[in-house]
């Protein structure tokens, strides 16, 4: 990659504060976070920027197949500034 390039990863609060029922998902997000930090350190000297984005609660197929407990679905994302979970297209 040439100088000035960017690598952007997506992440989740689960990388920092995992839910008991999402331990496999949280583990992958923690790995992405650590990989992002390592790449940033490794590639900075080449002028390549590495960042991660953690967008907050987003409605995805994961939510309705066990990504959220059934009792959490009605209020999923209500505690955000928008008052709702985001949509993938956003």
PDB file of N, CA and C in Angstrom:
ATOM      1  N   UNK A   1       0.842  -1.173   0.000  1.00  0.00           N
ATOM      2  CA  UNK A   1       0.000   0.000   0.000  1.00  0.00           C
ATOM      3  C   UNK A   1       0.887   1.237   0.000  1.00  0.00           C
ATOM      4  N   UNK A   2       0.514   2.238  -0.765  1.00  0.00           N
ATOM      5  CA  UNK A   2       1.343   3.442  -0.822  1.00  0.00           C
ATOM      6  C   UNK A   2       1.129   4.363   0.378  1.00  0.00           C
ATOM      7  N   UNK A   3       2.093   5.228   0.585  1.00  0.00           N
ATOM      8  CA  UNK A   3       2.005   6.261   1.605  1.00  0.00           C
ATOM      9  C   UNK A   3       0.687   7.009   1.423  1.00  0.00           C
ATOM     10  N   UNK A   4      -0.005   7.313   2.533  1.00  0.00           N
ATOM     11  CA  UNK A   4      -1.284   8.005   2.478  1.00  0.00           C
ATOM     12  C   UNK A   4      -2.487   7.084   2.437  1.00  0.00           C
ATOM     13  N   UNK A   5      -2.248   5.780   2.352  1.00  0.00           N
ATOM     14  CA  UNK A   5      -3.353   4.814   2.332  1.00  0.00           C
ATOM     15  C   UNK A   5      -3.969   4.690   3.724  1.00  0.00           C
ATOM     16  N   UNK A   6      -5.150   4.102   3.770  1.00  0.00           N
ATOM     17  CA  UNK A   6      -5.857   3.883   5.038  1.00  0.00           C
ATOM     18  C   UNK A   6      -6.399   2.473   5.111  1.00  0.00           C
ATOM     19  N   UNK A   7      -6.381   1.935   6.301  1.00  0.00           N
ATOM     20  CA  UNK A   7      -7.042   0.670   6.605  1.00  0.00           C
ATOM     21  C   UNK A   7      -8.050   0.983   7.703  1.00  0.00           C
ATOM     22  N   UNK A   8      -9.309   0.636   7.482  1.00  0.00           N
ATOM     23  CA  UNK A   8     -10.361   0.890   8.460  1.00  0.00           C
ATOM     24  C   UNK A   8     -11.011  -0.448   8.825  1.00  0.00           C
ATOM     25  N   UNK A   9     -11.067  -0.742  10.116  1.00  0.00           N
ATOM     26  CA  UNK A   9     -11.745  -1.948  10.579  1.00  0.00           C
ATOM     27  C   UNK A   9     -13.027  -1.542  11.300  1.00  0.00           C
ATOM     28  N   UNK A  10     -13.944  -2.480  11.448  1.00  0.00           N
ATOM     29  CA  UNK A  10     -15.154  -2.218  12.233  1.00  0.00           C
ATOM     30  C   UNK A  10     -15.079  -3.003  13.525  1.00  0.00           C
ATOM     31  N   UNK A  11     -15.624  -2.408  14.579  1.00  0.00           N
ATOM     32  CA  UNK A  11     -15.516  -3.029  15.880  1.00  0.00           C
ATOM     33  C   UNK A  11     -16.792  -2.868  16.674  1.00  0.00           C
ATOM     34  N   UNK A  12     -16.713  -3.132  17.953  1.00  0.00           N
ATOM     35  CA  UNK A  12     -17.878  -3.152  18.826  1.00  0.00           C
ATOM     36  C   UNK A  12     -17.442  -2.914  20.261  1.00  0.00           C
ATOM     37  N   UNK A  13     -18.356  -2.416  21.064  1.00  0.00           N
ATOM     38  CA  UNK A  13     -18.100  -2.292  22.495  1.00  0.00           C
ATOM     39  C   UNK A  13     -17.786  -3.660  23.108  1.00  0.00           C
ATOM     40  N   UNK A  14     -18.203  -4.714  22.415  1.00  0.00           N
ATOM     41  CA  UNK A  14     -17.944  -6.067  22.900  1.00  0.00           C
ATOM     42  C   UNK A  14     -16.451  -6.360  23.024  1.00  0.00           C
ATOM     43  N   UNK A  15     -15.619  -5.651  22.302  1.00  0.00           N
ATOM     44  CA  UNK A  15     -14.170  -5.839  22.415  1.00  0.00           C
ATOM     45  C   UNK A  15     -13.667  -5.413  23.792  1.00  0.00           C
ATOM     46  N   UNK A  16     -14.384  -4.495  24.429  1.00  0.00           N
ATOM     47  CA  UNK A  16     -13.992  -3.957  25.735  1.00  0.00           C
ATOM     48  C   UNK A  16     -14.809  -4.529  26.890  1.00  0.00           C
ATOM     49  N   UNK A  17     -16.096  -4.717  26.642  1.00  0.00           N
ATOM     50  CA  UNK A  17     -17.042  -5.074  27.705  1.00  0.00           C
ATOM     51  C   UNK A  17     -17.987  -6.145  27.175  1.00  0.00           C
ATOM     52  N   UNK A  18     -17.539  -7.375  27.169  1.00  0.00           N
ATOM     53  CA  UNK A  18     -18.298  -8.440  26.521  1.00  0.00           C
ATOM     54  C   UNK A  18     -19.525  -8.866  27.327  1.00  0.00           C
ATOM     55  N   UNK A  19     -20.577  -9.193  26.590  1.00  0.00           N
ATOM     56  CA  UNK A  19     -21.779  -9.767  27.182  1.00  0.00           C
ATOM     57  C   UNK A  19     -21.554 -11.265  27.354  1.00  0.00           C
ATOM     58  N   UNK A  20     -22.105 -11.826  28.409  1.00  0.00           N
ATOM     59  CA  UNK A  20     -21.907 -13.253  28.688  1.00  0.00           C
ATOM     60  C   UNK A  20     -22.416 -14.130  27.555  1.00  0.00           C
ATOM     61  N   UNK A  21     -23.461 -13.693  26.867  1.00  0.00           N
ATOM     62  CA  UNK A  21     -24.042 -14.505  25.800  1.00  0.00           C
ATOM     63  C   UNK A  21     -23.410 -14.248  24.430  1.00  0.00           C
ATOM     64  N   UNK A  22     -22.425 -13.355  24.347  1.00  0.00           N
ATOM     65  CA  UNK A  22     -21.764 -13.056  23.073  1.00  0.00           C
ATOM     66  C   UNK A  22     -20.260 -13.277  23.141  1.00  0.00           C
ATOM     67  N   UNK A  23     -19.820 -14.227  23.943  1.00  0.00           N
ATOM     68  CA  UNK A  23     -18.391 -14.402  24.174  1.00  0.00           C
ATOM     69  C   UNK A  23     -17.618 -14.726  22.900  1.00  0.00           C
ATOM     70  N   UNK A  24     -18.186 -15.494  21.984  1.00  0.00           N
ATOM     71  CA  UNK A  24     -17.477 -15.796  20.737  1.00  0.00           C
ATOM     72  C   UNK A  24     -17.355 -14.541  19.869  1.00  0.00           C
ATOM     73  N   UNK A  25     -18.424 -13.772  19.760  1.00  0.00           N
ATOM     74  CA  UNK A  25     -18.413 -12.515  19.006  1.00  0.00           C
ATOM     75  C   UNK A  25     -17.435 -11.526  19.649  1.00  0.00           C
ATOM     76  N   UNK A  26     -17.494 -11.415  20.978  1.00  0.00           N
ATOM     77  CA  UNK A  26     -16.617 -10.492  21.699  1.00  0.00           C
ATOM     78  C   UNK A  26     -15.150 -10.845  21.487  1.00  0.00           C
ATOM     79  N   UNK A  27     -14.855 -12.121  21.467  1.00  0.00           N
ATOM     80  CA  UNK A  27     -13.473 -12.553  21.234  1.00  0.00           C
ATOM     81  C   UNK A  27     -12.959 -12.133  19.872  1.00  0.00           C
ATOM     82  N   UNK A  28     -13.809 -12.249  18.850  1.00  0.00           N
ATOM     83  CA  UNK A  28     -13.372 -11.841  17.515  1.00  0.00           C
ATOM     84  C   UNK A  28     -13.179 -10.328  17.450  1.00  0.00           C
ATOM     85  N   UNK A  29     -14.047  -9.580  18.133  1.00  0.00           N
ATOM     86  CA  UNK A  29     -13.909  -8.115  18.128  1.00  0.00           C
ATOM     87  C   UNK A  29     -12.655  -7.680  18.889  1.00  0.00           C
ATOM     88  N   UNK A  30     -12.327  -8.367  19.962  1.00  0.00           N
ATOM     89  CA  UNK A  30     -11.091  -8.071  20.687  1.00  0.00           C
ATOM     90  C   UNK A  30      -9.877  -8.350  19.809  1.00  0.00           C
ATOM     91  N   UNK A  31      -9.936  -9.432  19.046  1.00  0.00           N
ATOM     92  CA  UNK A  31      -8.835  -9.751  18.126  1.00  0.00           C
ATOM     93  C   UNK A  31      -8.701  -8.678  17.050  1.00  0.00           C
ATOM     94  N   UNK A  32      -9.815  -8.211  16.513  1.00  0.00           N
ATOM     95  CA  UNK A  32      -9.770  -7.140  15.496  1.00  0.00           C
ATOM     96  C   UNK A  32      -9.186  -5.872  16.101  1.00  0.00           C
ATOM     97  N   UNK A  33      -9.591  -5.552  17.330  1.00  0.00           N
ATOM     98  CA  UNK A  33      -9.060  -4.357  18.000  1.00  0.00           C
ATOM     99  C   UNK A  33      -7.548  -4.458  18.156  1.00  0.00           C
ATOM    100  N   UNK A  34      -7.061  -5.593  18.651  1.00  0.00           N
ATOM    101  CA  UNK A  34      -5.622  -5.752  18.856  1.00  0.00           C
ATOM    102  C   UNK A  34      -4.865  -5.762  17.533  1.00  0.00           C
ATOM    103  N   UNK A  35      -5.435  -6.367  16.513  1.00  0.00           N
ATOM    104  CA  UNK A  35      -4.811  -6.359  15.192  1.00  0.00           C
ATOM    105  C   UNK A  35      -4.734  -4.928  14.656  1.00  0.00           C
ATOM    106  N   UNK A  36      -5.800  -4.160  14.850  1.00  0.00           N
ATOM    107  CA  UNK A  36      -5.818  -2.771  14.387  1.00  0.00           C
ATOM    108  C   UNK A  36      -4.725  -1.960  15.084  1.00  0.00           C
ATOM    109  N   UNK A  37      -4.610  -2.108  16.406  1.00  0.00           N
ATOM    110  CA  UNK A  37      -3.563  -1.397  17.140  1.00  0.00           C
ATOM    111  C   UNK A  37      -2.174  -1.791  16.638  1.00  0.00           C
ATOM    112  N   UNK A  38      -1.974  -3.086  16.458  1.00  0.00           N
ATOM    113  CA  UNK A  38      -0.669  -3.562  15.985  1.00  0.00           C
ATOM    114  C   UNK A  38      -0.343  -3.068  14.589  1.00  0.00           C
ATOM    115  N   UNK A  39      -1.323  -3.131  13.688  1.00  0.00           N
ATOM    116  CA  UNK A  39      -1.104  -2.625  12.324  1.00  0.00           C
ATOM    117  C   UNK A  39      -0.801  -1.135  12.332  1.00  0.00           C
ATOM    118  N   UNK A  40      -1.511  -0.390  13.171  1.00  0.00           N
ATOM    119  CA  UNK A  40      -1.270   1.053  13.251  1.00  0.00           C
ATOM    120  C   UNK A  40       0.183   1.338  13.640  1.00  0.00           C
ATOM    121  N   UNK A  41       0.683   0.616  14.614  1.00  0.00           N
ATOM    122  CA  UNK A  41       2.073   0.799  15.033  1.00  0.00           C
ATOM    123  C   UNK A  41       3.046   0.371  13.945  1.00  0.00           C
ATOM    124  N   UNK A  42       2.723  -0.729  13.281  1.00  0.00           N
ATOM    125  CA  UNK A  42       3.605  -1.272  12.256  1.00  0.00           C
ATOM    126  C   UNK A  42       3.651  -0.405  11.003  1.00  0.00           C
ATOM    127  N   UNK A  43       2.521   0.157  10.611  1.00  0.00           N
ATOM    128  CA  UNK A  43       2.436   0.844   9.325  1.00  0.00           C
ATOM    129  C   UNK A  43       2.573   2.356   9.401  1.00  0.00           C
ATOM    130  N   UNK A  44       2.550   2.922  10.586  1.00  0.00           N
ATOM    131  CA  UNK A  44       2.661   4.383  10.723  1.00  0.00           C
ATOM    132  C   UNK A  44       3.926   4.917  10.066  1.00  0.00           C
ATOM    133  N   UNK A  45       5.033   4.223  10.229  1.00  0.00           N
ATOM    134  CA  UNK A  45       6.303   4.695   9.649  1.00  0.00           C
ATOM    135  C   UNK A  45       6.272   4.698   8.126  1.00  0.00           C
ATOM    136  N   UNK A  46       5.327   3.952   7.530  1.00  0.00           N
ATOM    137  CA  UNK A  46       5.178   3.947   6.071  1.00  0.00           C
ATOM    138  C   UNK A  46       4.112   4.941   5.604  1.00  0.00           C
ATOM    139  N   UNK A  47       3.534   5.708   6.555  1.00  0.00           N
ATOM    140  CA  UNK A  47       2.532   6.692   6.194  1.00  0.00           C
ATOM    141  C   UNK A  47       1.165   6.103   5.917  1.00  0.00           C
ATOM    142  N   UNK A  48       0.910   4.912   6.452  1.00  0.00           N
ATOM    143  CA  UNK A  48      -0.383   4.259   6.271  1.00  0.00           C
ATOM    144  C   UNK A  48      -1.156   4.381   7.582  1.00  0.00           C
ATOM    145  N   UNK A  49      -2.343   4.947   7.484  1.00  0.00           N
ATOM    146  CA  UNK A  49      -3.191   5.186   8.652  1.00  0.00           C
ATOM    147  C   UNK A  49      -4.092   3.976   8.880  1.00  0.00           C
ATOM    148  N   UNK A  50      -4.197   3.540  10.142  1.00  0.00           N
ATOM    149  CA  UNK A  50      -5.042   2.400  10.500  1.00  0.00           C
ATOM    150  C   UNK A  50      -5.954   2.832  11.644  1.00  0.00           C
ATOM    151  N   UNK A  51      -7.261   2.719  11.429  1.00  0.00           N
ATOM    152  CA  UNK A  51      -8.254   3.108  12.429  1.00  0.00           C
ATOM    153  C   UNK A  51      -9.348   2.058  12.510  1.00  0.00           C
ATOM    154  N   UNK A  52     -10.091   2.118  13.592  1.00  0.00           N
ATOM    155  CA  UNK A  52     -11.240   1.236  13.761  1.00  0.00           C
ATOM    156  C   UNK A  52     -12.462   2.076  14.089  1.00  0.00           C
ATOM    157  N   UNK A  53     -13.605   1.658  13.587  1.00  0.00           N
ATOM    158  CA  UNK A  53     -14.863   2.336  13.826  1.00  0.00           C
ATOM    159  C   UNK A  53     -15.767   1.395  14.611  1.00  0.00           C
ATOM    160  N   UNK A  54     -16.322   1.894  15.718  1.00  0.00           N
ATOM    161  CA  UNK A  54     -17.286   1.124  16.514  1.00  0.00           C
ATOM    162  C   UNK A  54     -18.599   1.904  16.499  1.00  0.00           C
ATOM    163  N   UNK A  55     -19.504   1.559  15.579  1.00  0.00           N
ATOM    164  CA  UNK A  55     -20.674   2.396  15.331  1.00  0.00           C
ATOM    165  C   UNK A  55     -21.774   2.357  16.378  1.00  0.00           C
ATOM    166  N   UNK A  56     -21.717   1.478  17.329  1.00  0.00           N
ATOM    167  CA  UNK A  56     -22.813   1.372  18.293  1.00  0.00           C
ATOM    168  C   UNK A  56     -23.826   0.343  17.835  1.00  0.00           C
ATOM    169  N   UNK A  57     -24.995   0.306  18.471  1.00  0.00           N
ATOM    170  CA  UNK A  57     -25.979  -0.718  18.128  1.00  0.00           C
ATOM    171  C   UNK A  57     -26.512  -0.553  16.708  1.00  0.00           C
ATOM    172  N   UNK A  58     -26.390  -1.617  15.929  1.00  0.00           N
ATOM    173  CA  UNK A  58     -26.843  -1.631  14.532  1.00  0.00           C
ATOM    174  C   UNK A  58     -27.705  -2.876  14.337  1.00  0.00           C
ATOM    175  N   UNK A  59     -28.857  -2.707  13.675  1.00  0.00           N
ATOM    176  CA  UNK A  59     -29.706  -3.857  13.351  1.00  0.00           C
ATOM    177  C   UNK A  59     -29.033  -4.675  12.257  1.00  0.00           C
ATOM    178  N   UNK A  60     -28.702  -5.902  12.577  1.00  0.00           N
ATOM    179  CA  UNK A  60     -28.140  -6.846  11.611  1.00  0.00           C
ATOM    180  C   UNK A  60     -28.831  -8.190  11.836  1.00  0.00           C
ATOM    181  N   UNK A  61     -28.654  -9.138  10.937  1.00  0.00           N
ATOM    182  CA  UNK A  61     -29.236 -10.467  11.166  1.00  0.00           C
ATOM    183  C   UNK A  61     -28.769 -11.090  12.483  1.00  0.00           C
ATOM    184  N   UNK A  62     -27.595 -10.710  12.962  1.00  0.00           N
ATOM    185  CA  UNK A  62     -27.082 -11.250  14.220  1.00  0.00           C
ATOM    186  C   UNK A  62     -28.023 -10.962  15.386  1.00  0.00           C
ATOM    187  N   UNK A  63     -28.661  -9.811  15.395  1.00  0.00           N
ATOM    188  CA  UNK A  63     -29.489  -9.428  16.535  1.00  0.00           C
ATOM    189  C   UNK A  63     -30.631 -10.406  16.783  1.00  0.00           C
ATOM    190  N   UNK A  64     -31.283 -10.862  15.743  1.00  0.00           N
ATOM    191  CA  UNK A  64     -32.475 -11.699  15.910  1.00  0.00           C
ATOM    192  C   UNK A  64     -32.196 -13.201  15.948  1.00  0.00           C
ATOM    193  N   UNK A  65     -30.937 -13.594  15.770  1.00  0.00           N
ATOM    194  CA  UNK A  65     -30.594 -15.023  15.849  1.00  0.00           C
ATOM    195  C   UNK A  65     -29.675 -15.309  17.032  1.00  0.00           C
ATOM    196  N   UNK A  66     -29.794 -14.513  18.079  1.00  0.00           N
ATOM    197  CA  UNK A  66     -29.027 -14.756  19.288  1.00  0.00           C
ATOM    198  C   UNK A  66     -28.041 -13.670  19.640  1.00  0.00           C
ATOM    199  N   UNK A  67     -27.908 -12.654  18.798  1.00  0.00           N
ATOM    200  CA  UNK A  67     -27.007 -11.544  19.103  1.00  0.00           C
ATOM    201  C   UNK A  67     -27.529 -10.678  20.240  1.00  0.00           C
ATOM    202  N   UNK A  68     -28.812 -10.759  20.449  1.00  0.00           N
ATOM    203  CA  UNK A  68     -29.450 -10.090  21.583  1.00  0.00           C
ATOM    204  C   UNK A  68     -30.368 -11.096  22.259  1.00  0.00           C
ATOM    205  N   UNK A  69     -30.494 -10.980  23.552  1.00  0.00           N
ATOM    206  CA  UNK A  69     -31.488 -11.797  24.239  1.00  0.00           C
ATOM    207  C   UNK A  69     -32.864 -11.305  23.804  1.00  0.00           C
ATOM    208  N   UNK A  70     -33.813 -12.205  23.706  1.00  0.00           N
ATOM    209  CA  UNK A  70     -35.156 -11.860  23.236  1.00  0.00           C
ATOM    210  C   UNK A  70     -35.757 -10.692  24.015  1.00  0.00           C
ATOM    211  N   UNK A  71     -35.525 -10.650  25.307  1.00  0.00           N
ATOM    212  CA  UNK A  71     -36.095  -9.565  26.111  1.00  0.00           C
ATOM    213  C   UNK A  71     -35.443  -8.205  25.836  1.00  0.00           C
ATOM    214  N   UNK A  72     -34.261  -8.195  25.213  1.00  0.00           N
ATOM    215  CA  UNK A  72     -33.580  -6.930  24.892  1.00  0.00           C
ATOM    216  C   UNK A  72     -33.994  -6.351  23.543  1.00  0.00           C
ATOM    217  N   UNK A  73     -34.581  -7.159  22.676  1.00  0.00           N
ATOM    218  CA  UNK A  73     -34.921  -6.714  21.325  1.00  0.00           C
ATOM    219  C   UNK A  73     -35.801  -5.461  21.315  1.00  0.00           C
ATOM    220  N   UNK A  74     -36.875  -5.384  22.118  1.00  0.00           N
ATOM    221  CA  UNK A  74     -37.739  -4.194  22.043  1.00  0.00           C
ATOM    222  C   UNK A  74     -37.041  -2.881  22.382  1.00  0.00           C
ATOM    223  N   UNK A  75     -35.984  -2.928  23.189  1.00  0.00           N
ATOM    224  CA  UNK A  75     -35.302  -1.689  23.583  1.00  0.00           C
ATOM    225  C   UNK A  75     -33.893  -1.576  22.991  1.00  0.00           C
ATOM    226  N   UNK A  76     -33.544  -2.457  22.074  1.00  0.00           N
ATOM    227  CA  UNK A  76     -32.206  -2.455  21.480  1.00  0.00           C
ATOM    228  C   UNK A  76     -31.911  -1.092  20.834  1.00  0.00           C
ATOM    229  N   UNK A  77     -30.895  -0.407  21.329  1.00  0.00           N
ATOM    230  CA  UNK A  77     -30.477   0.868  20.781  1.00  0.00           C
ATOM    231  C   UNK A  77     -31.202   2.082  21.321  1.00  0.00           C
ATOM    232  N   UNK A  78     -32.177   1.898  22.200  1.00  0.00           N
ATOM    233  CA  UNK A  78     -32.967   3.032  22.714  1.00  0.00           C
ATOM    234  C   UNK A  78     -32.133   4.007  23.547  1.00  0.00           C
ATOM    235  N   UNK A  79     -31.010   3.544  24.097  1.00  0.00           N
ATOM    236  CA  UNK A  79     -30.198   4.410  24.948  1.00  0.00           C
ATOM    237  C   UNK A  79     -29.131   5.190  24.172  1.00  0.00           C
ATOM    238  N   UNK A  80     -29.244   5.251  22.857  1.00  0.00           N
ATOM    239  CA  UNK A  80     -28.302   6.010  22.034  1.00  0.00           C
ATOM    240  C   UNK A  80     -28.828   7.429  21.820  1.00  0.00           C
ATOM    241  N   UNK A  81     -27.986   8.358  21.382  1.00  0.00           N
ATOM    242  CA  UNK A  81     -28.473   9.715  21.103  1.00  0.00           C
ATOM    243  C   UNK A  81     -29.615   9.757  20.077  1.00  0.00           C
ATOM    244  N   UNK A  82     -29.633   8.826  19.123  1.00  0.00           N
ATOM    245  CA  UNK A  82     -30.729   8.780  18.149  1.00  0.00           C
ATOM    246  C   UNK A  82     -32.003   8.181  18.741  1.00  0.00           C
ATOM    247  N   UNK A  83     -31.871   7.478  19.861  1.00  0.00           N
ATOM    248  CA  UNK A  83     -33.018   6.841  20.480  1.00  0.00           C
ATOM    249  C   UNK A  83     -33.422   5.541  19.806  1.00  0.00           C
ATOM    250  N   UNK A  84     -32.556   5.030  18.964  1.00  0.00           N
ATOM    251  CA  UNK A  84     -32.829   3.787  18.235  1.00  0.00           C
ATOM    252  C   UNK A  84     -31.521   3.197  17.747  1.00  0.00           C
ATOM    253  N   UNK A  85     -31.578   1.934  17.381  1.00  0.00           N
ATOM    254  CA  UNK A  85     -30.419   1.298  16.759  1.00  0.00           C
ATOM    255  C   UNK A  85     -30.286   1.784  15.317  1.00  0.00           C
ATOM    256  N   UNK A  86     -29.086   1.806  14.824  1.00  0.00           N
ATOM    257  CA  UNK A  86     -28.848   2.204  13.437  1.00  0.00           C
ATOM    258  C   UNK A  86     -29.180   1.091  12.458  1.00  0.00           C
ATOM    259  N   UNK A  87     -29.286   1.453  11.224  1.00  0.00           N
ATOM    260  CA  UNK A  87     -29.497   0.507  10.132  1.00  0.00           C
ATOM    261  C   UNK A  87     -28.166   0.303   9.404  1.00  0.00           C
ATOM    262  N   UNK A  88     -27.901  -0.893   8.876  1.00  0.00           N
ATOM    263  CA  UNK A  88     -26.646  -1.126   8.172  1.00  0.00           C
ATOM    264  C   UNK A  88     -26.366  -0.106   7.071  1.00  0.00           C
ATOM    265  N   UNK A  89     -27.389   0.381   6.414  1.00  0.00           N
ATOM    266  CA  UNK A  89     -27.184   1.343   5.317  1.00  0.00           C
ATOM    267  C   UNK A  89     -26.712   2.710   5.827  1.00  0.00           C
ATOM    268  N   UNK A  90     -26.876   2.956   7.116  1.00  0.00           N
ATOM    269  CA  UNK A  90     -26.466   4.243   7.665  1.00  0.00           C
ATOM    270  C   UNK A  90     -24.981   4.257   7.967  1.00  0.00           C
TER     271      UNK A  90
END
